């Protein structure tokens, strides 16, 4: 089994910054793509940013130029630096990892961390 643990959410004023972290542990051979998604009540979960094992990144149009995704040196961690936050960025943010285990390649999700942007 694989666990993803997120941290770094909280309450921030508009224009402020937050940095989310996600660490993967367990029966991991390697991790392929990692990403951040977010969800608000009544809406589907949406992609925020993804990063491949080689470091290629992709962003939702709504966060381009404000958010930066990166991976740690150990490649089992992923970060989301969020700058110039807006109230519409308020959501529960989830980390996702595509994990190669001994017998399987599977997607895993973290438990989510709340980000609230409000004055």
N, C-alpha and C. Protein backbone atom coordinates (compact mmCIF):
# COMPACT_ATOMS: atom_id res chain seq x y z
N UNK A 1 0.83 -1.20 0.00
CA UNK A 1 0.00 0.00 0.00
C UNK A 1 0.86 1.25 0.00
N UNK A 2 0.26 2.30 -0.50
CA UNK A 2 0.95 3.58 -0.60
C UNK A 2 0.11 4.65 0.07
N UNK A 3 0.75 5.53 0.80
CA UNK A 3 0.06 6.64 1.46
C UNK A 3 0.60 7.96 0.93
N UNK A 4 -0.32 8.89 0.72
CA UNK A 4 0.04 10.26 0.36
C UNK A 4 -0.43 11.16 1.48
N UNK A 5 0.45 11.97 2.02
CA UNK A 5 0.11 12.86 3.12
C UNK A 5 0.39 14.29 2.68
N UNK A 6 -0.67 15.10 2.71
CA UNK A 6 -0.56 16.50 2.31
C UNK A 6 -0.45 17.38 3.54
N UNK A 7 0.13 18.55 3.34
CA UNK A 7 0.21 19.54 4.40
C UNK A 7 0.37 20.92 3.76
N UNK A 8 0.12 21.95 4.56
CA UNK A 8 0.38 23.31 4.10
C UNK A 8 -0.83 24.15 3.81
N UNK A 9 -2.01 23.57 3.90
CA UNK A 9 -3.21 24.37 3.67
C UNK A 9 -3.49 25.32 4.81
N UNK A 10 -4.48 26.17 4.61
CA UNK A 10 -4.83 27.12 5.66
C UNK A 10 -5.61 28.29 5.12
N UNK A 11 -5.71 29.32 5.94
CA UNK A 11 -6.42 30.55 5.60
C UNK A 11 -5.41 31.62 5.23
N UNK A 12 -5.64 32.28 4.11
CA UNK A 12 -4.74 33.32 3.65
C UNK A 12 -5.56 34.44 3.03
N UNK A 13 -5.05 35.64 3.10
CA UNK A 13 -5.75 36.78 2.51
C UNK A 13 -5.53 36.82 1.00
N UNK A 14 -6.44 37.43 0.28
CA UNK A 14 -6.22 37.60 -1.17
C UNK A 14 -4.89 38.27 -1.45
N UNK A 15 -4.19 37.74 -2.45
CA UNK A 15 -2.86 38.25 -2.78
C UNK A 15 -1.75 37.55 -2.04
N UNK A 16 -2.09 36.73 -1.06
CA UNK A 16 -1.09 36.03 -0.28
C UNK A 16 -0.59 34.76 -0.95
N UNK A 17 0.25 34.04 -0.22
CA UNK A 17 0.88 32.82 -0.74
C UNK A 17 0.75 31.68 0.25
N UNK A 18 0.74 30.49 -0.30
CA UNK A 18 0.79 29.26 0.48
C UNK A 18 1.63 28.25 -0.29
N UNK A 19 2.23 27.31 0.46
CA UNK A 19 2.97 26.23 -0.18
C UNK A 19 2.43 24.92 0.34
N UNK A 20 1.90 24.11 -0.58
CA UNK A 20 1.40 22.79 -0.24
C UNK A 20 2.50 21.75 -0.46
N UNK A 21 2.51 20.74 0.40
CA UNK A 21 3.45 19.64 0.26
C UNK A 21 2.69 18.32 0.27
N UNK A 22 3.25 17.34 -0.41
CA UNK A 22 2.66 16.00 -0.44
C UNK A 22 3.80 14.99 -0.46
N UNK A 23 3.80 14.09 0.51
CA UNK A 23 4.84 13.07 0.60
C UNK A 23 4.23 11.69 0.44
N UNK A 24 4.82 10.90 -0.42
CA UNK A 24 4.37 9.54 -0.67
C UNK A 24 5.28 8.56 0.04
N UNK A 25 4.65 7.51 0.62
CA UNK A 25 5.43 6.48 1.29
C UNK A 25 4.73 5.14 1.13
N UNK A 26 5.48 4.06 1.36
CA UNK A 26 4.90 2.73 1.26
C UNK A 26 5.66 1.87 0.27
N UNK A 27 4.94 0.97 -0.38
CA UNK A 27 5.56 -0.02 -1.27
C UNK A 27 5.77 0.55 -2.67
N UNK A 28 6.67 1.52 -2.73
CA UNK A 28 6.90 2.27 -3.97
C UNK A 28 8.15 1.78 -4.67
N UNK A 29 8.01 1.43 -5.94
CA UNK A 29 9.19 1.16 -6.76
C UNK A 29 9.65 2.47 -7.40
N UNK A 30 8.70 3.16 -7.98
CA UNK A 30 8.97 4.49 -8.51
C UNK A 30 7.65 5.22 -8.68
N UNK A 31 7.73 6.51 -8.85
CA UNK A 31 6.52 7.32 -9.06
C UNK A 31 6.63 8.00 -10.42
N UNK A 32 5.59 7.88 -11.20
CA UNK A 32 5.55 8.51 -12.51
C UNK A 32 5.05 9.95 -12.34
N UNK A 33 3.89 10.25 -12.87
CA UNK A 33 3.35 11.60 -12.74
C UNK A 33 2.83 11.85 -11.33
N UNK A 34 2.95 13.10 -10.90
CA UNK A 34 2.31 13.56 -9.67
C UNK A 34 1.54 14.83 -10.00
N UNK A 35 0.53 15.12 -9.20
CA UNK A 35 -0.25 16.31 -9.51
C UNK A 35 -1.07 16.80 -8.34
N UNK A 36 -1.60 17.99 -8.54
CA UNK A 36 -2.51 18.60 -7.58
C UNK A 36 -3.85 18.86 -8.27
N UNK A 37 -4.90 18.56 -7.55
CA UNK A 37 -6.26 18.79 -8.00
C UNK A 37 -6.99 19.53 -6.90
N UNK A 38 -8.13 20.14 -7.25
CA UNK A 38 -8.90 20.81 -6.22
C UNK A 38 -10.39 20.62 -6.46
N UNK A 39 -11.15 20.76 -5.39
CA UNK A 39 -12.59 20.53 -5.47
C UNK A 39 -13.30 21.45 -4.51
N UNK A 40 -14.40 22.03 -4.99
CA UNK A 40 -15.28 22.83 -4.16
C UNK A 40 -16.63 22.13 -4.08
N UNK A 41 -17.43 22.42 -3.07
CA UNK A 41 -18.71 21.73 -2.90
C UNK A 41 -19.60 21.85 -4.13
N UNK A 42 -20.12 20.73 -4.56
CA UNK A 42 -21.04 20.72 -5.70
C UNK A 42 -20.38 20.72 -7.05
N UNK A 43 -19.06 20.72 -7.07
CA UNK A 43 -18.34 20.73 -8.35
C UNK A 43 -17.44 19.52 -8.45
N UNK A 44 -17.09 19.19 -9.70
CA UNK A 44 -16.18 18.09 -9.91
C UNK A 44 -14.75 18.50 -9.55
N UNK A 45 -13.97 17.48 -9.20
CA UNK A 45 -12.56 17.73 -8.92
C UNK A 45 -11.87 18.15 -10.22
N UNK A 46 -11.06 19.19 -10.15
CA UNK A 46 -10.41 19.71 -11.35
C UNK A 46 -8.89 19.70 -11.19
N UNK A 47 -8.24 19.55 -12.33
CA UNK A 47 -6.78 19.54 -12.34
C UNK A 47 -6.25 20.95 -12.10
N UNK A 48 -5.24 21.04 -11.25
CA UNK A 48 -4.56 22.31 -11.01
C UNK A 48 -3.21 22.30 -11.72
N UNK A 49 -2.40 21.27 -11.45
CA UNK A 49 -1.07 21.19 -12.06
C UNK A 49 -0.57 19.76 -11.97
N UNK A 50 0.24 19.37 -12.96
CA UNK A 50 0.87 18.07 -12.94
C UNK A 50 2.35 18.19 -13.28
N UNK A 51 3.10 17.18 -12.86
CA UNK A 51 4.53 17.15 -13.16
C UNK A 51 4.94 15.70 -13.39
N UNK A 52 5.70 15.48 -14.45
CA UNK A 52 6.16 14.13 -14.76
C UNK A 52 7.43 13.81 -13.97
N UNK A 53 7.84 12.56 -14.05
CA UNK A 53 9.09 12.17 -13.37
C UNK A 53 10.29 12.90 -13.97
N UNK A 54 10.15 13.32 -15.21
CA UNK A 54 11.22 14.06 -15.86
C UNK A 54 11.18 15.56 -15.65
N UNK A 55 10.13 16.01 -14.94
CA UNK A 55 10.04 17.43 -14.62
C UNK A 55 9.20 18.27 -15.55
N UNK A 56 8.54 17.64 -16.51
CA UNK A 56 7.64 18.40 -17.38
C UNK A 56 6.38 18.76 -16.62
N UNK A 57 5.93 19.99 -16.78
CA UNK A 57 4.78 20.48 -16.01
C UNK A 57 3.64 20.92 -16.92
N UNK A 58 2.46 20.92 -16.32
CA UNK A 58 1.27 21.40 -17.02
C UNK A 58 0.38 22.07 -15.98
N UNK A 59 -0.30 23.14 -16.39
CA UNK A 59 -1.11 23.91 -15.45
C UNK A 59 -2.49 24.20 -16.03
N UNK A 60 -3.47 24.31 -15.15
CA UNK A 60 -4.76 24.83 -15.55
C UNK A 60 -4.58 26.30 -15.93
N UNK A 61 -5.34 26.76 -16.90
CA UNK A 61 -5.21 28.15 -17.34
C UNK A 61 -5.43 29.12 -16.19
N UNK A 62 -6.31 28.76 -15.27
CA UNK A 62 -6.68 29.67 -14.19
C UNK A 62 -5.54 29.92 -13.19
N UNK A 63 -4.51 29.07 -13.21
CA UNK A 63 -3.42 29.23 -12.24
C UNK A 63 -2.08 29.52 -12.89
N UNK A 64 -2.02 29.51 -14.21
CA UNK A 64 -0.76 29.77 -14.90
C UNK A 64 -0.20 31.13 -14.50
N UNK A 65 1.09 31.14 -14.21
CA UNK A 65 1.75 32.38 -13.82
C UNK A 65 1.65 32.68 -12.34
N UNK A 66 0.80 31.94 -11.63
CA UNK A 66 0.65 32.17 -10.18
C UNK A 66 1.09 30.97 -9.35
N UNK A 67 0.87 29.77 -9.87
CA UNK A 67 1.20 28.54 -9.14
C UNK A 67 2.40 27.87 -9.81
N UNK A 68 3.22 27.21 -8.98
CA UNK A 68 4.36 26.46 -9.48
C UNK A 68 4.40 25.09 -8.82
N UNK A 69 4.43 24.04 -9.64
CA UNK A 69 4.54 22.68 -9.12
C UNK A 69 5.98 22.23 -9.24
N UNK A 70 6.44 21.48 -8.25
CA UNK A 70 7.81 20.96 -8.28
C UNK A 70 7.87 19.66 -7.51
N UNK A 71 8.95 18.92 -7.74
CA UNK A 71 9.15 17.67 -7.03
C UNK A 71 10.43 17.75 -6.22
N UNK A 72 10.42 17.04 -5.10
CA UNK A 72 11.59 17.01 -4.26
C UNK A 72 12.70 16.16 -4.87
N UNK A 73 13.88 16.26 -4.30
CA UNK A 73 15.02 15.51 -4.81
C UNK A 73 14.79 14.01 -4.76
N UNK A 74 14.07 13.56 -3.76
CA UNK A 74 13.78 12.14 -3.61
C UNK A 74 12.70 11.66 -4.56
N UNK A 75 12.06 12.59 -5.25
CA UNK A 75 11.03 12.29 -6.25
C UNK A 75 9.76 11.72 -5.66
N UNK A 76 9.72 11.51 -4.34
CA UNK A 76 8.50 11.01 -3.72
C UNK A 76 7.67 12.12 -3.10
N UNK A 77 8.11 13.34 -3.30
CA UNK A 77 7.39 14.48 -2.77
C UNK A 77 7.04 15.44 -3.91
N UNK A 78 5.95 16.14 -3.73
CA UNK A 78 5.55 17.14 -4.70
C UNK A 78 5.06 18.36 -3.94
N UNK A 79 5.35 19.52 -4.51
CA UNK A 79 5.01 20.78 -3.87
C UNK A 79 4.15 21.61 -4.82
N UNK A 80 3.36 22.49 -4.24
CA UNK A 80 2.61 23.46 -5.03
C UNK A 80 2.78 24.82 -4.36
N UNK A 81 3.56 25.67 -4.99
CA UNK A 81 3.72 27.04 -4.51
C UNK A 81 2.63 27.89 -5.13
N UNK A 82 1.81 28.48 -4.29
CA UNK A 82 0.66 29.24 -4.76
C UNK A 82 0.86 30.71 -4.36
N UNK A 83 0.97 31.56 -5.35
CA UNK A 83 1.15 33.00 -5.13
C UNK A 83 -0.04 33.76 -5.69
N UNK A 84 -0.17 35.00 -5.27
CA UNK A 84 -1.25 35.87 -5.75
C UNK A 84 -2.60 35.17 -5.65
N UNK A 85 -2.85 34.59 -4.51
CA UNK A 85 -4.07 33.80 -4.33
C UNK A 85 -5.31 34.66 -4.42
N UNK A 86 -6.36 34.06 -4.97
CA UNK A 86 -7.63 34.73 -5.16
C UNK A 86 -8.72 33.97 -4.40
N UNK A 87 -9.81 34.63 -4.06
CA UNK A 87 -10.90 33.91 -3.38
C UNK A 87 -11.38 32.69 -4.15
N UNK A 88 -11.34 32.76 -5.47
CA UNK A 88 -11.80 31.61 -6.27
C UNK A 88 -10.83 30.43 -6.23
N UNK A 89 -9.68 30.59 -5.59
CA UNK A 89 -8.77 29.46 -5.38
C UNK A 89 -9.17 28.65 -4.15
N UNK A 90 -10.14 29.13 -3.40
CA UNK A 90 -10.60 28.41 -2.22
C UNK A 90 -11.15 27.05 -2.62
N UNK A 91 -10.63 26.00 -2.00
CA UNK A 91 -11.03 24.63 -2.34
C UNK A 91 -10.29 23.67 -1.42
N UNK A 92 -10.68 22.41 -1.49
CA UNK A 92 -9.87 21.34 -0.91
C UNK A 92 -8.91 20.87 -2.00
N UNK A 93 -7.63 20.87 -1.68
CA UNK A 93 -6.59 20.49 -2.64
C UNK A 93 -6.13 19.07 -2.34
N UNK A 94 -6.08 18.27 -3.42
CA UNK A 94 -5.71 16.87 -3.31
C UNK A 94 -4.45 16.60 -4.11
N UNK A 95 -3.58 15.79 -3.55
CA UNK A 95 -2.39 15.31 -4.24
C UNK A 95 -2.71 13.96 -4.87
N UNK A 96 -2.18 13.73 -6.05
CA UNK A 96 -2.35 12.45 -6.74
C UNK A 96 -0.99 11.98 -7.25
N UNK A 97 -0.76 10.67 -7.15
CA UNK A 97 0.49 10.11 -7.64
C UNK A 97 0.20 8.83 -8.41
N UNK A 98 0.87 8.67 -9.54
CA UNK A 98 0.80 7.43 -10.31
C UNK A 98 2.02 6.60 -9.91
N UNK A 99 1.75 5.51 -9.17
CA UNK A 99 2.82 4.80 -8.48
C UNK A 99 3.06 3.43 -9.09
N UNK A 100 4.31 3.15 -9.36
CA UNK A 100 4.69 1.80 -9.77
C UNK A 100 5.06 1.00 -8.52
N UNK A 101 4.26 -0.06 -8.27
CA UNK A 101 4.58 -0.98 -7.19
C UNK A 101 5.17 -2.24 -7.82
N UNK A 102 5.39 -3.27 -7.01
CA UNK A 102 6.03 -4.47 -7.54
C UNK A 102 5.16 -5.12 -8.61
N UNK A 103 3.85 -5.18 -8.35
CA UNK A 103 2.96 -5.89 -9.27
C UNK A 103 2.03 -4.97 -10.06
N UNK A 104 1.87 -3.74 -9.61
CA UNK A 104 0.86 -2.87 -10.19
C UNK A 104 1.40 -1.48 -10.46
N UNK A 105 0.68 -0.79 -11.34
CA UNK A 105 0.83 0.67 -11.48
C UNK A 105 -0.54 1.24 -11.18
N UNK A 106 -0.63 2.05 -10.13
CA UNK A 106 -1.93 2.55 -9.68
C UNK A 106 -1.85 4.00 -9.30
N UNK A 107 -3.02 4.64 -9.36
CA UNK A 107 -3.15 6.02 -8.89
C UNK A 107 -3.54 6.02 -7.41
N UNK A 108 -2.92 6.90 -6.66
CA UNK A 108 -3.25 7.10 -5.26
C UNK A 108 -3.56 8.57 -5.03
N UNK A 109 -4.45 8.81 -4.06
CA UNK A 109 -4.85 10.17 -3.71
C UNK A 109 -4.55 10.43 -2.24
N UNK A 110 -4.23 11.68 -1.95
CA UNK A 110 -4.12 12.09 -0.57
C UNK A 110 -5.49 12.39 0.03
N UNK A 111 -5.49 12.77 1.29
CA UNK A 111 -6.75 12.98 2.00
C UNK A 111 -7.32 14.38 1.76
N UNK A 112 -6.53 15.27 1.21
CA UNK A 112 -6.98 16.63 0.93
C UNK A 112 -6.58 17.60 2.02
N UNK A 113 -6.33 18.83 1.61
CA UNK A 113 -6.02 19.90 2.55
C UNK A 113 -6.79 21.15 2.13
N UNK A 114 -7.42 21.80 3.09
CA UNK A 114 -8.28 22.94 2.80
C UNK A 114 -7.44 24.20 2.60
N UNK A 115 -7.73 24.90 1.53
CA UNK A 115 -7.17 26.22 1.28
C UNK A 115 -8.31 27.22 1.21
N UNK A 116 -8.26 28.22 2.05
CA UNK A 116 -9.29 29.26 2.08
C UNK A 116 -8.64 30.61 1.87
N UNK A 117 -9.11 31.30 0.84
CA UNK A 117 -8.59 32.64 0.52
C UNK A 117 -9.70 33.63 0.82
N UNK A 118 -9.50 34.41 1.87
CA UNK A 118 -10.55 35.33 2.30
C UNK A 118 -9.95 36.44 3.13
N UNK A 119 -10.58 37.62 3.05
CA UNK A 119 -10.14 38.74 3.88
C UNK A 119 -10.95 38.80 5.17
